């Protein structure tokens, strides 16, 4: 039972990371963020990205805060796996 919970959480973190990557890539295409798909991703991703954008200033025209946000998610996923191996 506990293994299932950890796997579900890990999978959700992985899919959310993919959603963030797709959302970031949408900025490369004109008007992509204004599409219904882009707006849906914005509603999912912006609340998570906003605190990182407040802390990490852009480097010129490049915003690295989404990269840091994805790294934090990956560290959380790794930490979750480590926690599971310690408990199990």
Protein backbone atom coordinates (compact mmCIF):
# COMPACT_ATOMS: atom_id res chain seq x y z
CA UNK A 1 0.00 0.00 0.00
CA UNK A 2 2.74 2.45 0.96
CA UNK A 3 4.68 1.58 -2.18
CA UNK A 4 1.66 2.45 -4.30
CA UNK A 5 1.31 5.85 -2.63
CA UNK A 6 4.99 6.63 -3.20
CA UNK A 7 4.79 5.54 -6.83
CA UNK A 8 1.70 7.65 -7.47
CA UNK A 9 3.31 10.74 -5.92
CA UNK A 10 6.53 10.13 -7.85
CA UNK A 11 4.60 9.74 -11.10
CA UNK A 12 2.62 12.93 -10.46
CA UNK A 13 5.85 14.85 -9.82
CA UNK A 14 7.29 13.47 -13.07
CA UNK A 15 4.20 14.47 -15.09
CA UNK A 16 4.20 17.93 -13.49
CA UNK A 17 7.86 18.32 -14.50
CA UNK A 18 6.89 17.45 -18.07
CA UNK A 19 4.05 19.99 -17.93
CA UNK A 20 6.54 22.65 -16.81
CA UNK A 21 8.90 21.79 -19.66
CA UNK A 22 6.08 22.00 -22.20
CA UNK A 23 4.94 25.30 -20.70
CA UNK A 24 8.46 26.70 -20.96
CA UNK A 25 8.77 25.54 -24.58
CA UNK A 26 5.50 27.29 -25.44
CA UNK A 27 7.25 30.62 -24.88
CA UNK A 28 9.36 29.92 -27.96
CA UNK A 29 6.32 29.91 -30.25
CA UNK A 30 4.30 33.06 -30.97
CA UNK A 31 0.81 33.09 -29.44
CA UNK A 32 1.18 29.55 -28.08
CA UNK A 33 0.62 30.63 -24.48
CA UNK A 34 -2.57 32.41 -25.54
CA UNK A 35 -4.10 29.19 -26.88
CA UNK A 36 -6.51 27.24 -24.69
CA UNK A 37 -3.81 24.61 -24.12
CA UNK A 38 -1.31 27.30 -23.13
CA UNK A 39 -3.79 28.94 -20.77
CA UNK A 40 -4.56 25.61 -19.11
CA UNK A 41 -0.85 24.95 -18.60
CA UNK A 42 -0.44 28.49 -17.25
CA UNK A 43 -3.12 27.83 -14.63
CA UNK A 44 -1.26 24.68 -13.58
CA UNK A 45 2.32 25.94 -13.77
CA UNK A 46 2.32 29.64 -12.87
CA UNK A 47 1.38 29.20 -9.18
CA UNK A 48 4.43 26.96 -8.74
CA UNK A 49 6.77 29.11 -10.86
CA UNK A 50 5.81 32.45 -9.33
CA UNK A 51 7.79 32.08 -6.04
CA UNK A 52 10.90 31.08 -8.00
CA UNK A 53 10.53 34.12 -10.25
CA UNK A 54 10.34 36.37 -7.19
CA UNK A 55 13.58 34.92 -5.78
CA UNK A 56 15.67 34.41 -8.93
CA UNK A 57 16.09 37.44 -11.19
CA UNK A 58 16.34 36.93 -14.95
CA UNK A 59 19.80 36.90 -16.51
CA UNK A 60 19.30 39.47 -19.23
CA UNK A 61 16.45 38.12 -21.35
CA UNK A 62 16.80 34.59 -20.00
CA UNK A 63 14.61 33.45 -17.11
CA UNK A 64 16.30 30.54 -15.34
CA UNK A 65 13.72 30.26 -12.56
CA UNK A 66 11.77 27.49 -14.39
CA UNK A 67 14.96 25.45 -14.59
CA UNK A 68 15.49 25.83 -10.85
CA UNK A 69 11.83 24.92 -10.25
CA UNK A 70 12.24 21.72 -12.26
CA UNK A 71 15.43 20.86 -10.37
CA UNK A 72 13.59 21.32 -7.07
CA UNK A 73 10.89 18.93 -8.26
CA UNK A 74 13.52 16.37 -9.27
CA UNK A 75 15.24 16.69 -5.89
CA UNK A 76 11.87 16.18 -4.20
CA UNK A 77 11.26 13.09 -6.30
CA UNK A 78 14.71 11.73 -5.44
CA UNK A 79 14.16 12.52 -1.77
CA UNK A 80 10.86 10.71 -1.90
CA UNK A 81 12.57 7.64 -3.37
CA UNK A 82 15.24 7.78 -0.67
CA UNK A 83 12.61 8.13 2.02
CA UNK A 84 10.75 5.12 0.66
CA UNK A 85 13.89 2.97 0.68
CA UNK A 86 14.57 4.00 4.29
CA UNK A 87 11.03 3.15 5.38
CA UNK A 88 10.58 -0.06 3.41
